[in-house]
Amino acid sequence: MLRVHLCNAGYLVSMAEDAVEAGRLMLAMTPDLLIIDVEMPYLDGVEFVRAMRSEAAFASIPVLMISANDEHARHAASLECRFLPKPILKDTLLQWVSDALASEG
């Protein structure tokens, strides 16, 4: 649903099934922002963002972490990521994306 909402709002969206695929996509095309689920195969979202932040080319990309587990909010905060609990409201998602992209410009 996130992809549908973002595409309907006019955003170009690339999706990855896991951290390995996400890493490959990021190397091919640096994203303007990253929306990542904390619970992913191979490498969880927290570990992925830590690795991403260690690379200068990706360190300043805004990140929105999502999870059904509110306890992950503290991990997001420690990595300077915004956290949204599932289920995610369309208006909340679109407002955050808009704000994050405006602050980058």
N, C-alpha and C. Protein backbone atom coordinates (compact mmCIF):
# COMPACT_ATOMS: atom_id res chain seq x y z
N MET A 1 0.82 -1.20 0.00
CA MET A 1 0.00 0.00 0.00
C MET A 1 0.86 1.26 0.00
N LEU A 2 2.01 1.20 0.64
CA LEU A 2 2.87 2.39 0.66
C LEU A 2 3.23 2.80 -0.76
N ARG A 3 3.58 1.82 -1.56
CA ARG A 3 3.95 2.10 -2.95
C ARG A 3 2.79 2.74 -3.70
N VAL A 4 1.61 2.22 -3.53
CA VAL A 4 0.43 2.76 -4.21
C VAL A 4 0.23 4.22 -3.81
N HIS A 5 0.26 4.49 -2.50
CA HIS A 5 0.06 5.87 -2.03
C HIS A 5 1.12 6.81 -2.57
N LEU A 6 2.37 6.37 -2.55
CA LEU A 6 3.46 7.22 -3.03
C LEU A 6 3.40 7.44 -4.54
N CYS A 7 3.12 6.39 -5.29
CA CYS A 7 3.01 6.53 -6.74
C CYS A 7 1.83 7.42 -7.12
N ASN A 8 0.71 7.25 -6.44
CA ASN A 8 -0.46 8.09 -6.70
C ASN A 8 -0.19 9.56 -6.39
N ALA A 9 0.74 9.81 -5.49
CA ALA A 9 1.12 11.19 -5.14
C ALA A 9 2.19 11.74 -6.07
N GLY A 10 2.63 10.92 -7.04
CA GLY A 10 3.58 11.38 -8.04
C GLY A 10 5.03 11.07 -7.77
N TYR A 11 5.33 10.25 -6.77
CA TYR A 11 6.71 9.90 -6.45
C TYR A 11 7.15 8.68 -7.26
N LEU A 12 8.42 8.66 -7.64
CA LEU A 12 9.03 7.50 -8.27
C LEU A 12 9.49 6.57 -7.15
N VAL A 13 9.04 5.33 -7.18
CA VAL A 13 9.30 4.40 -6.08
C VAL A 13 10.04 3.17 -6.59
N SER A 14 11.12 2.82 -5.93
CA SER A 14 11.81 1.55 -6.16
C SER A 14 11.63 0.73 -4.90
N MET A 15 11.39 -0.56 -5.08
CA MET A 15 11.17 -1.43 -3.92
C MET A 15 12.15 -2.57 -3.92
N ALA A 16 12.48 -3.03 -2.71
CA ALA A 16 13.36 -4.17 -2.52
C ALA A 16 12.71 -5.14 -1.55
N GLU A 17 12.90 -6.41 -1.79
CA GLU A 17 12.33 -7.45 -0.93
C GLU A 17 13.14 -7.69 0.34
N ASP A 18 14.42 -7.31 0.30
CA ASP A 18 15.29 -7.55 1.46
C ASP A 18 16.45 -6.57 1.44
N ALA A 19 17.29 -6.64 2.45
CA ALA A 19 18.41 -5.72 2.59
C ALA A 19 19.43 -5.86 1.47
N VAL A 20 19.66 -7.06 0.99
CA VAL A 20 20.63 -7.29 -0.08
C VAL A 20 20.17 -6.57 -1.35
N GLU A 21 18.93 -6.76 -1.71
CA GLU A 21 18.40 -6.10 -2.89
C GLU A 21 18.37 -4.58 -2.69
N ALA A 22 18.04 -4.12 -1.51
CA ALA A 22 18.02 -2.68 -1.23
C ALA A 22 19.41 -2.07 -1.41
N GLY A 23 20.43 -2.76 -0.93
CA GLY A 23 21.79 -2.30 -1.10
C GLY A 23 22.18 -2.19 -2.56
N ARG A 24 21.82 -3.19 -3.34
CA ARG A 24 22.11 -3.16 -4.78
C ARG A 24 21.42 -1.99 -5.46
N LEU A 25 20.15 -1.77 -5.12
CA LEU A 25 19.41 -0.65 -5.71
C LEU A 25 20.04 0.68 -5.34
N MET A 26 20.47 0.81 -4.10
CA MET A 26 21.07 2.07 -3.66
C MET A 26 22.39 2.34 -4.37
N LEU A 27 23.14 1.32 -4.66
CA LEU A 27 24.40 1.50 -5.39
C LEU A 27 24.15 1.91 -6.83
N ALA A 28 23.06 1.43 -7.40
CA ALA A 28 22.72 1.76 -8.79
C ALA A 28 22.13 3.16 -8.92
N MET A 29 21.36 3.58 -7.90
CA MET A 29 20.71 4.88 -7.95
C MET A 29 20.49 5.37 -6.52
N THR A 30 21.20 6.40 -6.13
CA THR A 30 21.07 6.92 -4.77
C THR A 30 19.68 7.51 -4.58
N PRO A 31 18.94 7.02 -3.59
CA PRO A 31 17.58 7.53 -3.37
C PRO A 31 17.56 8.89 -2.68
N ASP A 32 16.46 9.61 -2.86
CA ASP A 32 16.27 10.88 -2.16
C ASP A 32 15.88 10.64 -0.71
N LEU A 33 15.21 9.53 -0.47
CA LEU A 33 14.87 9.12 0.88
C LEU A 33 14.65 7.63 0.90
N LEU A 34 14.64 7.09 2.10
CA LEU A 34 14.52 5.65 2.27
C LEU A 34 13.42 5.35 3.28
N ILE A 35 12.52 4.48 2.90
CA ILE A 35 11.50 3.98 3.82
C ILE A 35 11.84 2.51 4.03
N ILE A 36 12.10 2.15 5.27
CA ILE A 36 12.60 0.81 5.53
C ILE A 36 11.85 0.17 6.70
N ASP A 37 11.48 -1.08 6.50
CA ASP A 37 10.86 -1.85 7.57
C ASP A 37 11.97 -2.36 8.48
N VAL A 38 11.77 -2.29 9.76
CA VAL A 38 12.80 -2.76 10.70
C VAL A 38 13.02 -4.25 10.53
N GLU A 39 11.95 -4.98 10.30
CA GLU A 39 12.06 -6.44 10.22
C GLU A 39 12.15 -6.89 8.77
N MET A 40 13.40 -7.16 8.33
CA MET A 40 13.68 -7.61 6.96
C MET A 40 14.54 -8.86 7.01
N PRO A 41 14.50 -9.64 5.94
CA PRO A 41 15.39 -10.80 5.86
C PRO A 41 16.86 -10.37 5.70
N TYR A 42 17.76 -11.22 6.14
CA TYR A 42 19.21 -11.10 6.01
C TYR A 42 19.84 -10.06 6.94
N LEU A 43 19.28 -8.88 6.98
CA LEU A 43 19.83 -7.79 7.78
C LEU A 43 18.63 -6.93 8.18
N ASP A 44 18.45 -6.72 9.47
CA ASP A 44 17.26 -5.94 9.84
C ASP A 44 17.46 -4.46 9.49
N GLY A 45 16.38 -3.71 9.54
CA GLY A 45 16.42 -2.31 9.14
C GLY A 45 17.39 -1.48 9.95
N VAL A 46 17.52 -1.76 11.23
CA VAL A 46 18.45 -1.02 12.09
C VAL A 46 19.88 -1.27 11.63
N GLU A 47 20.24 -2.52 11.41
CA GLU A 47 21.59 -2.85 10.94
C GLU A 47 21.84 -2.25 9.56
N PHE A 48 20.82 -2.30 8.70
CA PHE A 48 20.96 -1.75 7.35
C PHE A 48 21.24 -0.25 7.41
N VAL A 49 20.49 0.48 8.22
CA VAL A 49 20.69 1.92 8.32
C VAL A 49 22.05 2.24 8.93
N ARG A 50 22.48 1.47 9.92
CA ARG A 50 23.83 1.68 10.48
C ARG A 50 24.89 1.54 9.39
N ALA A 51 24.78 0.50 8.59
CA ALA A 51 25.73 0.29 7.50
C ALA A 51 25.64 1.41 6.47
N MET A 52 24.43 1.80 6.14
CA MET A 52 24.21 2.86 5.17
C MET A 52 24.82 4.17 5.65
N ARG A 53 24.62 4.49 6.92
CA ARG A 53 25.13 5.75 7.48
C ARG A 53 26.66 5.78 7.52
N SER A 54 27.29 4.62 7.48
CA SER A 54 28.76 4.59 7.50
C SER A 54 29.37 4.93 6.14
N GLU A 55 28.55 4.99 5.11
CA GLU A 55 29.00 5.34 3.77
C GLU A 55 28.68 6.81 3.50
N ALA A 56 29.67 7.61 3.19
CA ALA A 56 29.48 9.05 3.01
C ALA A 56 28.39 9.38 1.98
N ALA A 57 28.32 8.61 0.91
CA ALA A 57 27.34 8.88 -0.15
C ALA A 57 25.90 8.71 0.33
N PHE A 58 25.69 7.93 1.38
CA PHE A 58 24.34 7.63 1.85
C PHE A 58 24.03 8.21 3.24
N ALA A 59 25.02 8.78 3.89
CA ALA A 59 24.88 9.19 5.29
C ALA A 59 23.77 10.21 5.54
N SER A 60 23.51 11.07 4.59
CA SER A 60 22.55 12.15 4.83
C SER A 60 21.15 11.87 4.25
N ILE A 61 20.95 10.69 3.71
CA ILE A 61 19.63 10.35 3.17
C ILE A 61 18.62 10.25 4.31
N PRO A 62 17.50 10.98 4.22
CA PRO A 62 16.49 10.85 5.26
C PRO A 62 15.90 9.43 5.27
N VAL A 63 15.65 8.92 6.46
CA VAL A 63 15.14 7.55 6.60
C VAL A 63 13.88 7.55 7.45
N LEU A 64 12.90 6.84 6.96
CA LEU A 64 11.68 6.57 7.71
C LEU A 64 11.67 5.09 8.02
N MET A 65 11.75 4.75 9.30
CA MET A 65 11.67 3.35 9.72
C MET A 65 10.23 3.05 10.09
N ILE A 66 9.78 1.88 9.65
CA ILE A 66 8.43 1.46 9.98
C ILE A 66 8.47 0.10 10.65
N SER A 67 7.52 -0.12 11.54
CA SER A 67 7.43 -1.41 12.22
C SER A 67 6.09 -1.50 12.93
N ALA A 68 5.63 -2.72 13.09
CA ALA A 68 4.43 -2.96 13.89
C ALA A 68 4.79 -2.97 15.38
N ASN A 69 6.07 -3.02 15.69
CA ASN A 69 6.55 -3.08 17.07
C ASN A 69 7.03 -1.68 17.49
N ASP A 70 6.29 -1.03 18.35
CA ASP A 70 6.63 0.33 18.80
C ASP A 70 7.97 0.40 19.52
N GLU A 71 8.46 -0.73 20.01
CA GLU A 71 9.74 -0.73 20.72
C GLU A 71 10.90 -0.35 19.80
N HIS A 72 10.70 -0.44 18.49
CA HIS A 72 11.76 -0.08 17.55
C HIS A 72 11.92 1.43 17.41
N ALA A 73 11.02 2.20 17.99
CA ALA A 73 11.10 3.66 17.90
C ALA A 73 12.41 4.18 18.49
N ARG A 74 12.89 3.56 19.55
CA ARG A 74 14.15 4.03 20.17
C ARG A 74 15.35 3.75 19.25
N HIS A 75 15.31 2.64 18.51
CA HIS A 75 16.38 2.36 17.55
C HIS A 75 16.38 3.42 16.45
N ALA A 76 15.20 3.75 15.97
CA ALA A 76 15.08 4.77 14.93
C ALA A 76 15.64 6.10 15.43
N ALA A 77 15.26 6.47 16.64
CA ALA A 77 15.73 7.74 17.21
C ALA A 77 17.25 7.76 17.35
N SER A 78 17.84 6.63 17.75
CA SER A 78 19.29 6.57 17.93
C SER A 78 20.03 6.74 16.60
N LEU A 79 19.35 6.45 15.49
CA LEU A 79 19.95 6.58 14.16
C LEU A 79 19.47 7.84 13.44
N GLU A 80 18.79 8.72 14.18
CA GLU A 80 18.24 9.95 13.62
C GLU A 80 17.29 9.68 12.46
N CYS A 81 16.45 8.68 12.65
CA CYS A 81 15.43 8.31 11.67
C CYS A 81 14.07 8.66 12.24
N ARG A 82 13.16 8.94 11.36
CA ARG A 82 11.76 9.11 11.77
C ARG A 82 11.17 7.71 11.91
N PHE A 83 10.28 7.52 12.85
CA PHE A 83 9.64 6.22 13.07
C PHE A 83 8.14 6.36 12.91
N LEU A 84 7.56 5.47 12.14
CA LEU A 84 6.10 5.40 12.02
C LEU A 84 5.66 3.98 12.32
N PRO A 85 4.74 3.85 13.26
CA PRO A 85 4.23 2.51 13.57
C PRO A 85 3.20 2.06 12.53
N LYS A 86 3.19 0.76 12.28
CA LYS A 86 2.16 0.19 11.41
C LYS A 86 0.89 0.01 12.22
N PRO A 87 -0.26 0.13 11.64
CA PRO A 87 -0.50 0.52 10.25
C PRO A 87 -0.22 2.01 10.05
N ILE A 88 0.28 2.34 8.89
CA ILE A 88 0.65 3.71 8.56
C ILE A 88 -0.50 4.39 7.84
N LEU A 89 -0.84 5.55 8.32
CA LEU A 89 -1.90 6.33 7.70
C LEU A 89 -1.34 7.04 6.46
N LYS A 90 -2.11 7.00 5.40
CA LYS A 90 -1.70 7.60 4.12
C LYS A 90 -1.27 9.05 4.30
N ASP A 91 -2.07 9.86 4.97
CA ASP A 91 -1.76 11.28 5.13
C ASP A 91 -0.49 11.50 5.92
N THR A 92 -0.25 10.68 6.93
CA THR A 92 0.97 10.78 7.72
C THR A 92 2.19 10.46 6.86
N LEU A 93 2.10 9.39 6.10
CA LEU A 93 3.19 9.00 5.20
C LEU A 93 3.50 10.11 4.20
N LEU A 94 2.49 10.60 3.51
CA LEU A 94 2.71 11.60 2.48
C LEU A 94 3.24 12.91 3.06
N GLN A 95 2.79 13.28 4.25
CA GLN A 95 3.29 14.50 4.88
C GLN A 95 4.76 14.35 5.24
N TRP A 96 5.14 13.19 5.80
CA TRP A 96 6.53 12.98 6.16
C TRP A 96 7.43 13.01 4.92
N VAL A 97 7.01 12.34 3.87
CA VAL A 97 7.81 12.31 2.64
C VAL A 97 7.97 13.73 2.08
N SER A 98 6.89 14.45 2.02
CA SER A 98 6.93 15.83 1.53
C SER A 98 7.88 16.68 2.38
N ASP A 99 7.77 16.59 3.69
CA ASP A 99 8.64 17.37 4.59
C ASP A 99 10.10 16.98 4.43
N ALA A 100 10.37 15.68 4.34
CA ALA A 100 11.75 15.20 4.22
C ALA A 100 12.38 15.68 2.92
N LEU A 101 11.64 15.62 1.83
CA LEU A 101 12.19 16.06 0.54
C LEU A 101 12.35 17.57 0.49
N ALA A 102 11.45 18.31 1.12
CA ALA A 102 11.56 19.77 1.14
C ALA A 102 12.78 20.21 1.93
N SER A 103 13.09 19.51 3.01
CA SER A 103 14.24 19.90 3.83
C SER A 103 15.56 19.55 3.15
N GLU A 104 15.53 18.63 2.21
CA GLU A 104 16.75 18.25 1.47
C GLU A 104 17.04 19.25 0.36
N GLY A 105 16.00 19.90 -0.15
CA GLY A 105 16.15 20.79 -1.30
C GLY A 105 16.76 22.07 -0.94
